[in-house]
Amino acid sequence: MKRIPALVAAMFAALLAAVLVAPAAQAASWPTVHNGDSGTNVTTVQYLLNAHGAGLSVDGAFGPGTEGKVRNFQQSAGLNPVDGIVGPDTWSKLIVTVRNGDNGDAVKALQVQLNAHGAGLSVDGAFGPGTDAKVRNFQQSAGLNPVDGIVGPATWGALLGGGGSTGGSGSDTLSQSQAAAMLSSAGITWSSSGNCSDRNNSSCTSFDGIRRATVDGAINLKHAVGGCPLNITGGTETGHAGGTYSHGNGYKMDFAMMSCLTDYIHGTFTHSGTRGDGADLWTSSSGNIYANEGSHWDVVFMN
């Protein structure tokens, strides 16, 4: 009988550890990769697509061939929209759990990512003791639990996005200049009645402290709507309603009302009811919520 409290304590500790790990995995800031990009993340996409049978030449350049394979994968995985853009939803389906003893393209994708974090591995597709040791080192440094050498969603998320609470400076939120540079490069504009970006001024449009996932979501939207102009009229500045999923906490953006944007939302997302203030609601497959507030679309980027 004396052993029962110790057993209960051990079970409680294991449960607590599992609860503490979950937010880190969920908070990973998955990168957005699309046609025209190049580099390590594109190489990773190509290896992972090949792990699913794509048969691509891995060159680190995201061109029409890679885009076509991404679209094929999105279609087969039941994703919506099928847009050729690798964002959070596509990453979550594309990644493959690998561990010591595995071989193939998914292991090569892992080794490429580990090398981007300074591992210095040979990209040979063989998950042996050397790769296992580098995975454990990375898990330890990223604050992941357990440190087990198994590369599942939490470890992939940390590798690709510097995710979780241990992401380091700016991994989860962005400064005004960081967000503005990302949005501008995607062809997204912004405006305000005060022609300013001061977060503490309700007449401004500010990106100071915005979530990286929110900016990625806006960029994904821009790629999806193509030539339809996107103009942001609200960010993290004061003056909006509070709450967890609010402008102030970096979850929301307002977009100027454009007929092409409205047509895209109505034609792609699911009508999900009416908000308490009468705003018509539409929800994407990833859980983002679009509210028609008359003069603009108020968007909550949940992922």
C-alpha atoms as a PDB file:
ATOM      1  CA  MET A   1       0.000   0.000   0.000  1.00  0.00           C
ATOM      2  CA  LYS A   2       2.852   2.372   0.643  1.00  0.00           C
ATOM      3  CA  ARG A   3       3.779   2.289  -3.067  1.00  0.00           C
ATOM      4  CA  ILE A   4       0.421   3.647  -4.266  1.00  0.00           C
ATOM      5  CA  PRO A   5       1.156   7.353  -3.572  1.00  0.00           C
ATOM      6  CA  ALA A   6       4.453   7.103  -5.446  1.00  0.00           C
ATOM      7  CA  LEU A   7       2.696   5.511  -8.424  1.00  0.00           C
ATOM      8  CA  VAL A   8       0.012   8.193  -8.435  1.00  0.00           C
ATOM      9  CA  ALA A   9       2.681  10.886  -8.250  1.00  0.00           C
ATOM     10  CA  ALA A  10       4.515   9.380 -11.225  1.00  0.00           C
ATOM     11  CA  MET A  11       1.316   9.230 -13.268  1.00  0.00           C
ATOM     12  CA  PHE A  12       0.528  12.853 -12.411  1.00  0.00           C
ATOM     13  CA  ALA A  13       4.031  13.949 -13.407  1.00  0.00           C
ATOM     14  CA  ALA A  14       3.713  12.202 -16.775  1.00  0.00           C
ATOM     15  CA  LEU A  15       0.328  13.818 -17.391  1.00  0.00           C
ATOM     16  CA  LEU A  16       1.671  17.240 -16.454  1.00  0.00           C
ATOM     17  CA  ALA A  17       4.609  16.823 -18.832  1.00  0.00           C
ATOM     18  CA  ALA A  18       2.242  15.953 -21.678  1.00  0.00           C
ATOM     19  CA  VAL A  19       0.112  19.036 -20.987  1.00  0.00           C
ATOM     20  CA  LEU A  20       3.169  21.282 -20.927  1.00  0.00           C
ATOM     21  CA  VAL A  21       4.466  19.931 -24.242  1.00  0.00           C
ATOM     22  CA  ALA A  22       1.235  20.443 -26.164  1.00  0.00           C
ATOM     23  CA  PRO A  23       1.332  24.276 -26.338  1.00  0.00           C
ATOM     24  CA  ALA A  24       4.894  24.230 -27.702  1.00  0.00           C
ATOM     25  CA  ALA A  25       3.858  21.969 -30.551  1.00  0.00           C
ATOM     26  CA  GLN A  26       0.762  24.050 -31.284  1.00  0.00           C
ATOM     27  CA  ALA A  27       2.644  27.338 -31.201  1.00  0.00           C
ATOM     28  CA  ALA A  28       5.140  26.391 -33.877  1.00  0.00           C
ATOM     29  CA  SER A  29       5.268  29.113 -36.539  1.00  0.00           C
ATOM     30  CA  TRP A  30       5.251  27.105 -39.767  1.00  0.00           C
ATOM     31  CA  PRO A  31       6.898  28.932 -42.685  1.00  0.00           C
ATOM     32  CA  THR A  32       5.032  29.789 -45.860  1.00  0.00           C
ATOM     33  CA  VAL A  33       6.720  28.495 -49.023  1.00  0.00           C
ATOM     34  CA  HIS A  34       5.454  29.112 -52.563  1.00  0.00           C
ATOM     35  CA  ASN A  35       6.353  29.493 -56.226  1.00  0.00           C
ATOM     36  CA  GLY A  36       9.399  31.732 -56.659  1.00  0.00           C
ATOM     37  CA  ASP A  37      11.010  30.810 -53.344  1.00  0.00           C
ATOM     38  CA  SER A  38      14.338  29.023 -52.956  1.00  0.00           C
ATOM     39  CA  GLY A  39      16.515  27.649 -50.190  1.00  0.00           C
ATOM     40  CA  THR A  40      16.453  25.163 -47.336  1.00  0.00           C
ATOM     41  CA  ASN A  41      12.697  25.094 -46.783  1.00  0.00           C
ATOM     42  CA  VAL A  42      12.051  24.511 -50.478  1.00  0.00           C
ATOM     43  CA  THR A  43      14.560  21.644 -50.442  1.00  0.00           C
ATOM     44  CA  THR A  44      12.712  20.245 -47.431  1.00  0.00           C
ATOM     45  CA  VAL A  45       9.363  20.513 -49.239  1.00  0.00           C
ATOM     46  CA  GLN A  46      10.768  18.712 -52.271  1.00  0.00           C
ATOM     47  CA  TYR A  47      12.224  15.849 -50.220  1.00  0.00           C
ATOM     48  CA  LEU A  48       8.964  15.472 -48.293  1.00  0.00           C
ATOM     49  CA  LEU A  49       6.934  15.510 -51.507  1.00  0.00           C
ATOM     50  CA  ASN A  50       9.207  12.768 -52.828  1.00  0.00           C
ATOM     51  CA  ALA A  51       8.584  10.809 -49.635  1.00  0.00           C
ATOM     52  CA  HIS A  52       4.944  10.873 -50.761  1.00  0.00           C
ATOM     53  CA  GLY A  53       5.870   9.715 -54.268  1.00  0.00           C
ATOM     54  CA  ALA A  54       6.297  12.997 -56.179  1.00  0.00           C
ATOM     55  CA  GLY A  55       9.534  12.102 -57.994  1.00  0.00           C
ATOM     56  CA  LEU A  56      10.885  15.661 -58.065  1.00  0.00           C
ATOM     57  CA  SER A  57      14.432  16.732 -58.815  1.00  0.00           C
ATOM     58  CA  VAL A  58      15.567  18.298 -55.545  1.00  0.00           C
ATOM     59  CA  ASP A  59      17.201  21.632 -56.402  1.00  0.00           C
ATOM     60  CA  GLY A  60      15.895  24.010 -53.722  1.00  0.00           C
ATOM     61  CA  ALA A  61      14.021  26.085 -56.328  1.00  0.00           C
ATOM     62  CA  PHE A  62      10.216  26.332 -56.073  1.00  0.00           C
ATOM     63  CA  GLY A  63       9.111  26.482 -59.702  1.00  0.00           C
ATOM     64  CA  PRO A  64       6.040  25.322 -61.664  1.00  0.00           C
ATOM     65  CA  GLY A  65       7.004  21.651 -61.311  1.00  0.00           C
ATOM     66  CA  THR A  66       7.142  21.831 -57.525  1.00  0.00           C
ATOM     67  CA  GLU A  67       3.956  23.888 -57.413  1.00  0.00           C
ATOM     68  CA  GLY A  68       2.171  21.266 -59.471  1.00  0.00           C
ATOM     69  CA  LYS A  69       3.276  18.503 -57.119  1.00  0.00           C
ATOM     70  CA  VAL A  70       2.164  20.561 -54.107  1.00  0.00           C
ATOM     71  CA  ARG A  71      -1.268  21.000 -55.683  1.00  0.00           C
ATOM     72  CA  ASN A  72      -1.472  17.261 -56.400  1.00  0.00           C
ATOM     73  CA  PHE A  73      -0.561  16.509 -52.797  1.00  0.00           C
ATOM     74  CA  GLN A  74      -3.077  19.018 -51.419  1.00  0.00           C
ATOM     75  CA  GLN A  75      -5.784  17.460 -53.595  1.00  0.00           C
ATOM     76  CA  SER A  76      -4.978  13.929 -52.466  1.00  0.00           C
ATOM     77  CA  ALA A  77      -4.817  15.018 -48.811  1.00  0.00           C
ATOM     78  CA  GLY A  78      -8.248  16.663 -48.985  1.00  0.00           C
ATOM     79  CA  LEU A  79      -6.895  20.148 -48.282  1.00  0.00           C
ATOM     80  CA  ASN A  80      -8.739  23.328 -49.225  1.00  0.00           C
ATOM     81  CA  PRO A  81      -7.763  25.533 -50.944  1.00  0.00           C
ATOM     82  CA  VAL A  82      -5.639  23.623 -53.440  1.00  0.00           C
ATOM     83  CA  ASP A  83      -3.370  26.595 -54.108  1.00  0.00           C
ATOM     84  CA  GLY A  84       0.182  25.239 -54.410  1.00  0.00           C
ATOM     85  CA  ILE A  85       1.250  27.186 -51.307  1.00  0.00           C
ATOM     86  CA  VAL A  86       2.873  25.269 -48.451  1.00  0.00           C
ATOM     87  CA  GLY A  87       1.482  26.802 -45.263  1.00  0.00           C
ATOM     88  CA  PRO A  88       0.522  25.350 -41.864  1.00  0.00           C
ATOM     89  CA  ASP A  89      -2.216  23.013 -43.136  1.00  0.00           C
ATOM     90  CA  THR A  90      -0.047  21.561 -45.892  1.00  0.00           C
ATOM     91  CA  TRP A  91       2.995  21.180 -43.613  1.00  0.00           C
ATOM     92  CA  SER A  92       0.895  19.267 -41.086  1.00  0.00           C
ATOM     93  CA  LYS A  93      -0.003  16.684 -43.747  1.00  0.00           C
ATOM     94  CA  LEU A  94       3.363  16.709 -45.521  1.00  0.00           C
ATOM     95  CA  ILE A  95       5.685  15.973 -42.584  1.00  0.00           C
ATOM     96  CA  VAL A  96       6.568  12.338 -41.866  1.00  0.00           C
ATOM     97  CA  THR A  97       7.483  10.996 -38.416  1.00  0.00           C
ATOM     98  CA  VAL A  98      10.964   9.447 -38.614  1.00  0.00           C
ATOM     99  CA  ARG A  99      13.305   7.806 -36.125  1.00  0.00           C
ATOM    100  CA  ASN A 100      16.502   5.776 -35.791  1.00  0.00           C
ATOM    101  CA  GLY A 101      16.563   2.989 -38.377  1.00  0.00           C
ATOM    102  CA  ASP A 102      14.459   4.811 -40.998  1.00  0.00           C
ATOM    103  CA  ASN A 103      15.706   5.567 -44.496  1.00  0.00           C
ATOM    104  CA  GLY A 104      14.598   7.655 -47.440  1.00  0.00           C
ATOM    105  CA  ASP A 105      13.587  11.123 -48.553  1.00  0.00           C
ATOM    106  CA  ALA A 106      11.847  12.114 -45.320  1.00  0.00           C
ATOM    107  CA  VAL A 107      15.117  11.468 -43.477  1.00  0.00           C
ATOM    108  CA  LYS A 108      16.942  13.614 -46.046  1.00  0.00           C
ATOM    109  CA  ALA A 109      14.432  16.403 -45.365  1.00  0.00           C
ATOM    110  CA  LEU A 110      15.205  16.055 -41.657  1.00  0.00           C
ATOM    111  CA  GLN A 111      18.963  16.123 -42.216  1.00  0.00           C
ATOM    112  CA  VAL A 112      18.644  19.287 -44.344  1.00  0.00           C
ATOM    113  CA  GLN A 113      16.744  20.997 -41.533  1.00  0.00           C
ATOM    114  CA  LEU A 114      19.181  19.826 -38.860  1.00  0.00           C
ATOM    115  CA  ASN A 115      22.060  21.177 -40.965  1.00  0.00           C
ATOM    116  CA  ALA A 116      20.268  24.543 -41.133  1.00  0.00           C
ATOM    117  CA  HIS A 117      20.604  24.499 -37.343  1.00  0.00           C
ATOM    118  CA  GLY A 118      24.323  23.716 -37.549  1.00  0.00           C
ATOM    119  CA  ALA A 119      24.345  19.894 -37.358  1.00  0.00           C
ATOM    120  CA  GLY A 120      26.849  19.294 -40.170  1.00  0.00           C
ATOM    121  CA  LEU A 121      25.337  15.951 -41.214  1.00  0.00           C
ATOM    122  CA  SER A 122      25.763  14.127 -44.499  1.00  0.00           C
ATOM    123  CA  VAL A 123      22.392  14.205 -46.296  1.00  0.00           C
ATOM    124  CA  ASP A 124      22.294  10.492 -47.089  1.00  0.00           C
ATOM    125  CA  GLY A 125      18.757   9.564 -46.045  1.00  0.00           C
ATOM    126  CA  ALA A 126      19.979   7.103 -43.407  1.00  0.00           C
ATOM    127  CA  PHE A 127      18.748   7.746 -39.855  1.00  0.00           C
ATOM    128  CA  GLY A 128      21.572   6.258 -37.827  1.00  0.00           C
ATOM    129  CA  PRO A 129      23.234   7.031 -34.489  1.00  0.00           C
ATOM    130  CA  GLY A 130      24.756  10.285 -35.783  1.00  0.00           C
ATOM    131  CA  THR A 131      21.408  11.696 -36.911  1.00  0.00           C
ATOM    132  CA  ASP A 132      19.772  10.411 -33.731  1.00  0.00           C
ATOM    133  CA  ALA A 133      22.317  12.260 -31.603  1.00  0.00           C
ATOM    134  CA  LYS A 134      21.803  15.509 -33.546  1.00  0.00           C
ATOM    135  CA  VAL A 135      18.014  15.214 -33.172  1.00  0.00           C
ATOM    136  CA  ARG A 136      18.353  14.725 -29.412  1.00  0.00           C
ATOM    137  CA  ASN A 137      20.731  17.695 -29.192  1.00  0.00           C
ATOM    138  CA  PHE A 138      18.231  19.846 -31.078  1.00  0.00           C
ATOM    139  CA  GLN A 139      15.286  18.691 -28.970  1.00  0.00           C
ATOM    140  CA  GLN A 140      17.253  19.503 -25.832  1.00  0.00           C
ATOM    141  CA  SER A 141      18.237  22.966 -27.049  1.00  0.00           C
ATOM    142  CA  ALA A 142      14.671  23.707 -28.203  1.00  0.00           C
ATOM    143  CA  GLY A 143      13.214  22.757 -24.831  1.00  0.00           C
ATOM    144  CA  LEU A 144      11.176  19.877 -26.267  1.00  0.00           C
ATOM    145  CA  ASN A 145       9.974  17.032 -24.074  1.00  0.00           C
ATOM    146  CA  PRO A 146      10.590  14.144 -24.371  1.00  0.00           C
ATOM    147  CA  VAL A 147      14.109  14.208 -25.756  1.00  0.00           C
ATOM    148  CA  ASP A 148      13.696  10.884 -27.526  1.00  0.00           C
ATOM    149  CA  GLY A 149      15.277  11.234 -30.978  1.00  0.00           C
ATOM    150  CA  ILE A 150      11.880  10.751 -32.649  1.00  0.00           C
ATOM    151  CA  VAL A 151      10.973  13.473 -35.141  1.00  0.00           C
ATOM    152  CA  GLY A 152       7.232  14.009 -34.932  1.00  0.00           C
ATOM    153  CA  PRO A 153       5.058  17.148 -35.374  1.00  0.00           C
ATOM    154  CA  ALA A 154       6.528  19.049 -32.395  1.00  0.00           C
ATOM    155  CA  THR A 155      10.127  18.520 -33.515  1.00  0.00           C
ATOM    156  CA  TRP A 156       9.321  19.258 -37.171  1.00  0.00           C
ATOM    157  CA  GLY A 157       7.534  22.430 -36.075  1.00  0.00           C
ATOM    158  CA  ALA A 158      10.494  23.581 -34.009  1.00  0.00           C
ATOM    159  CA  LEU A 159      12.954  22.797 -36.816  1.00  0.00           C
ATOM    160  CA  LEU A 160      10.942  24.614 -39.479  1.00  0.00           C
ATOM    161  CA  GLY A 161       9.625  27.530 -37.495  1.00  0.00           C
ATOM    162  CA  GLY A 162      11.777  27.879 -34.415  1.00  0.00           C
ATOM    163  CA  GLY A 163       8.415  27.127 -32.821  1.00  0.00           C
ATOM    164  CA  GLY A 164       7.007  27.042 -29.344  1.00  0.00           C
ATOM    165  CA  SER A 165       7.900  29.120 -26.325  1.00  0.00           C
ATOM    166  CA  THR A 166      11.576  28.590 -26.981  1.00  0.00           C
ATOM    167  CA  GLY A 167      11.516  30.129 -30.437  1.00  0.00           C
ATOM    168  CA  GLY A 168      13.888  32.917 -29.513  1.00  0.00           C
ATOM    169  CA  SER A 169      13.648  36.577 -30.328  1.00  0.00           C
ATOM    170  CA  GLY A 170      10.795  37.376 -32.684  1.00  0.00           C
ATOM    171  CA  SER A 171       9.872  33.791 -33.532  1.00  0.00           C
ATOM    172  CA  ASP A 172       6.207  34.199 -32.519  1.00  0.00           C
ATOM    173  CA  THR A 173       5.705  37.968 -32.825  1.00  0.00           C
ATOM    174  CA  LEU A 174       7.100  40.574 -35.187  1.00  0.00           C
ATOM    175  CA  SER A 175       8.136  44.187 -35.011  1.00  0.00           C
ATOM    176  CA  GLN A 176       6.539  46.844 -37.212  1.00  0.00           C
ATOM    177  CA  SER A 177       9.493  46.808 -39.627  1.00  0.00           C
ATOM    178  CA  GLN A 178       9.658  42.992 -39.830  1.00  0.00           C
ATOM    179  CA  ALA A 179       5.957  42.590 -40.577  1.00  0.00           C
ATOM    180  CA  ALA A 180       5.898  45.529 -42.990  1.00  0.00           C
ATOM    181  CA  ALA A 181       8.792  44.082 -44.989  1.00  0.00           C
ATOM    182  CA  MET A 182       7.106  40.678 -45.267  1.00  0.00           C
ATOM    183  CA  LEU A 183       3.751  42.147 -46.295  1.00  0.00           C
ATOM    184  CA  SER A 184       5.255  44.590 -48.756  1.00  0.00           C
ATOM    185  CA  SER A 185       7.259  41.845 -50.480  1.00  0.00           C
ATOM    186  CA  ALA A 186       4.009  39.908 -50.928  1.00  0.00           C
ATOM    187  CA  GLY A 187       2.329  42.894 -52.590  1.00  0.00           C
ATOM    188  CA  ILE A 188       0.060  43.741 -49.651  1.00  0.00           C
ATOM    189  CA  THR A 189      -0.535  47.416 -48.823  1.00  0.00           C
ATOM    190  CA  TRP A 190      -1.890  49.125 -45.695  1.00  0.00           C
ATOM    191  CA  SER A 191      -3.431  52.462 -44.845  1.00  0.00           C
ATOM    192  CA  SER A 192      -4.844  54.417 -41.904  1.00  0.00           C
ATOM    193  CA  SER A 193      -6.779  57.615 -41.350  1.00  0.00           C
ATOM    194  CA  GLY A 194      -3.801  59.032 -39.461  1.00  0.00           C
ATOM    195  CA  ASN A 195      -1.206  57.809 -41.979  1.00  0.00           C
ATOM    196  CA  CYS A 196       0.813  56.342 -39.085  1.00  0.00           C
ATOM    197  CA  SER A 197       1.896  53.091 -37.462  1.00  0.00           C
ATOM    198  CA  ASP A 198       1.882  53.931 -33.731  1.00  0.00           C
ATOM    199  CA  ARG A 199       0.350  51.024 -31.821  1.00  0.00           C
ATOM    200  CA  ASN A 200      -0.919  53.400 -29.121  1.00  0.00           C
ATOM    201  CA  ASN A 201      -2.857  55.584 -31.578  1.00  0.00           C
ATOM    202  CA  SER A 202      -6.267  54.312 -32.719  1.00  0.00           C
ATOM    203  CA  SER A 203      -5.983  56.359 -35.948  1.00  0.00           C
ATOM    204  CA  CYS A 204      -2.964  54.284 -37.045  1.00  0.00           C
ATOM    205  CA  THR A 205      -2.505  50.850 -38.594  1.00  0.00           C
ATOM    206  CA  SER A 206       0.209  49.069 -36.647  1.00  0.00           C
ATOM    207  CA  PHE A 207       1.898  45.677 -36.954  1.00  0.00           C
ATOM    208  CA  ASP A 208       3.962  46.059 -33.798  1.00  0.00           C
ATOM    209  CA  GLY A 209       3.667  42.805 -31.813  1.00  0.00           C
ATOM    210  CA  ILE A 210       1.618  41.001 -34.443  1.00  0.00           C
ATOM    211  CA  ARG A 211       1.842  37.203 -34.552  1.00  0.00           C
ATOM    212  CA  ARG A 212       4.026  35.770 -37.294  1.00  0.00           C
ATOM    213  CA  ALA A 213       1.225  33.292 -38.049  1.00  0.00           C
ATOM    214  CA  THR A 214      -1.138  36.222 -38.698  1.00  0.00           C
ATOM    215  CA  VAL A 215       1.256  37.777 -41.199  1.00  0.00           C
ATOM    216  CA  ASP A 216       1.788  34.371 -42.830  1.00  0.00           C
ATOM    217  CA  GLY A 217      -1.995  34.020 -43.040  1.00  0.00           C
ATOM    218  CA  ALA A 218      -2.327  37.378 -44.784  1.00  0.00           C
ATOM    219  CA  ILE A 219       0.398  36.402 -47.256  1.00  0.00           C
ATOM    220  CA  ASN A 220      -1.315  33.068 -47.923  1.00  0.00           C
ATOM    221  CA  LEU A 221      -4.544  34.959 -48.565  1.00  0.00           C
ATOM    222  CA  LYS A 222      -2.811  37.289 -51.009  1.00  0.00           C
ATOM    223  CA  HIS A 223      -1.355  34.370 -52.957  1.00  0.00           C
ATOM    224  CA  ALA A 224      -4.771  32.724 -53.020  1.00  0.00           C
ATOM    225  CA  VAL A 225      -6.640  35.789 -54.346  1.00  0.00           C
ATOM    226  CA  GLY A 226      -3.964  36.481 -56.978  1.00  0.00           C
ATOM    227  CA  GLY A 227      -4.418  39.870 -58.626  1.00  0.00           C
ATOM    228  CA  CYS A 228      -7.038  41.022 -56.144  1.00  0.00           C
ATOM    229  CA  PRO A 229      -5.494  43.900 -54.144  1.00  0.00           C
ATOM    230  CA  LEU A 230      -5.308  43.495 -50.374  1.00  0.00           C
ATOM    231  CA  ASN A 231      -5.142  46.630 -48.253  1.00  0.00           C
ATOM    232  CA  ILE A 232      -4.866  46.287 -44.461  1.00  0.00           C
ATOM    233  CA  THR A 233      -6.768  48.908 -42.476  1.00  0.00           C
ATOM    234  CA  GLY A 234      -6.385  47.478 -38.985  1.00  0.00           C
ATOM    235  CA  GLY A 235      -3.672  45.698 -37.038  1.00  0.00           C
ATOM    236  CA  THR A 236      -2.496  45.731 -33.433  1.00  0.00           C
ATOM    237  CA  GLU A 237      -3.221  49.399 -32.697  1.00  0.00           C
ATOM    238  CA  THR A 238      -5.408  50.378 -29.751  1.00  0.00           C
ATOM    239  CA  GLY A 239      -9.111  51.036 -30.121  1.00  0.00           C
ATOM    240  CA  HIS A 240     -10.336  47.550 -31.070  1.00  0.00           C
ATOM    241  CA  ALA A 241     -12.346  45.136 -28.933  1.00  0.00           C
ATOM    242  CA  GLY A 242     -10.380  43.031 -26.462  1.00  0.00           C
ATOM    243  CA  GLY A 243     -10.306  39.287 -25.871  1.00  0.00           C
ATOM    244  CA  THR A 244      -7.841  36.493 -26.495  1.00  0.00           C
ATOM    245  CA  TYR A 245      -8.173  36.371 -30.287  1.00  0.00           C
ATOM    246  CA  SER A 246      -8.054  40.134 -30.695  1.00  0.00           C
ATOM    247  CA  HIS A 247      -6.267  42.810 -32.685  1.00  0.00           C
ATOM    248  CA  GLY A 248      -4.264  43.773 -29.620  1.00  0.00           C
ATOM    249  CA  ASN A 249      -2.994  40.222 -29.159  1.00  0.00           C
ATOM    250  CA  GLY A 250      -1.925  40.012 -32.804  1.00  0.00           C
ATOM    251  CA  TYR A 251      -4.565  37.567 -34.065  1.00  0.00           C
ATOM    252  CA  LYS A 252      -6.612  39.945 -36.221  1.00  0.00           C
ATOM    253  CA  MET A 253      -6.295  42.093 -39.312  1.00  0.00           C
ATOM    254  CA  ASP A 254      -8.867  44.273 -41.069  1.00  0.00           C
ATOM    255  CA  PHE A 255      -8.895  44.294 -44.879  1.00  0.00           C
ATOM    256  CA  ALA A 256     -10.513  46.991 -47.018  1.00  0.00           C
ATOM    257  CA  MET A 257     -13.701  45.788 -48.684  1.00  0.00           C
ATOM    258  CA  MET A 258     -12.991  44.683 -52.265  1.00  0.00           C
ATOM    259  CA  SER A 259     -15.519  42.852 -54.442  1.00  0.00           C
ATOM    260  CA  CYS A 260     -12.842  40.413 -55.603  1.00  0.00           C
ATOM    261  CA  LEU A 261     -11.931  39.595 -51.997  1.00  0.00           C
ATOM    262  CA  THR A 262     -15.582  39.125 -51.067  1.00  0.00           C
ATOM    263  CA  ASP A 263     -16.121  36.871 -54.086  1.00  0.00           C
ATOM    264  CA  TYR A 264     -13.133  34.747 -53.080  1.00  0.00           C
ATOM    265  CA  ILE A 265     -14.332  34.408 -49.471  1.00  0.00           C
ATOM    266  CA  HIS A 266     -17.881  33.504 -50.517  1.00  0.00           C
ATOM    267  CA  GLY A 267     -16.683  31.062 -53.150  1.00  0.00           C
ATOM    268  CA  THR A 268     -14.044  29.307 -51.043  1.00  0.00           C
ATOM    269  CA  PHE A 269     -15.024  29.309 -47.369  1.00  0.00           C
ATOM    270  CA  THR A 270     -18.021  28.048 -45.411  1.00  0.00           C
ATOM    271  CA  HIS A 271     -20.760  30.379 -44.220  1.00  0.00           C
ATOM    272  CA  SER A 272     -20.766  29.852 -40.445  1.00  0.00           C
ATOM    273  CA  GLY A 273     -23.493  32.107 -39.118  1.00  0.00           C
ATOM    274  CA  THR A 274     -23.906  35.638 -37.866  1.00  0.00           C
ATOM    275  CA  ARG A 275     -21.943  37.331 -35.107  1.00  0.00           C
ATOM    276  CA  GLY A 276     -23.714  39.029 -32.201  1.00  0.00           C
ATOM    277  CA  ASP A 277     -23.302  42.440 -33.846  1.00  0.00           C
ATOM    278  CA  GLY A 278     -24.850  41.178 -37.092  1.00  0.00           C
ATOM    279  CA  ALA A 279     -21.592  40.595 -39.012  1.00  0.00           C
ATOM    280  CA  ASP A 280     -21.825  37.725 -41.510  1.00  0.00           C
ATOM    281  CA  LEU A 281     -19.236  35.009 -40.687  1.00  0.00           C
ATOM    282  CA  TRP A 282     -17.277  32.744 -43.021  1.00  0.00           C
ATOM    283  CA  THR A 283     -14.760  30.134 -41.830  1.00  0.00           C
ATOM    284  CA  SER A 284     -11.818  28.603 -43.713  1.00  0.00           C
ATOM    285  CA  SER A 285     -10.793  24.951 -43.495  1.00  0.00           C
ATOM    286  CA  SER A 286      -7.893  25.964 -41.223  1.00  0.00           C
ATOM    287  CA  GLY A 287     -10.243  27.736 -38.806  1.00  0.00           C
ATOM    288  CA  ASN A 288      -9.625  31.365 -39.806  1.00  0.00           C
ATOM    289  CA  ILE A 289     -12.778  33.457 -39.335  1.00  0.00           C
ATOM    290  CA  TYR A 290     -13.824  36.195 -41.765  1.00  0.00           C
ATOM    291  CA  ALA A 291     -16.424  38.691 -40.516  1.00  0.00           C
ATOM    292  CA  ASN A 292     -18.096  41.146 -42.916  1.00  0.00           C
ATOM    293  CA  GLU A 293     -18.243  44.401 -40.944  1.00  0.00           C
ATOM    294  CA  GLY A 294     -19.592  46.413 -43.880  1.00  0.00           C
ATOM    295  CA  SER A 295     -16.667  48.727 -44.584  1.00  0.00           C
ATOM    296  CA  HIS A 296     -14.059  45.975 -44.214  1.00  0.00           C
ATOM    297  CA  TRP A 297     -13.417  42.289 -43.561  1.00  0.00           C
ATOM    298  CA  ASP A 298     -12.350  41.573 -39.973  1.00  0.00           C
ATOM    299  CA  VAL A 299     -10.211  38.394 -40.045  1.00  0.00           C
ATOM    300  CA  VAL A 300      -9.097  36.194 -37.145  1.00  0.00           C
ATOM    301  CA  PHE A 301      -6.068  34.129 -38.134  1.00  0.00           C
ATOM    302  CA  MET A 302      -6.319  31.155 -35.795  1.00  0.00           C
ATOM    303  CA  ASN A 303      -3.332  29.216 -37.183  1.00  0.00           C
END
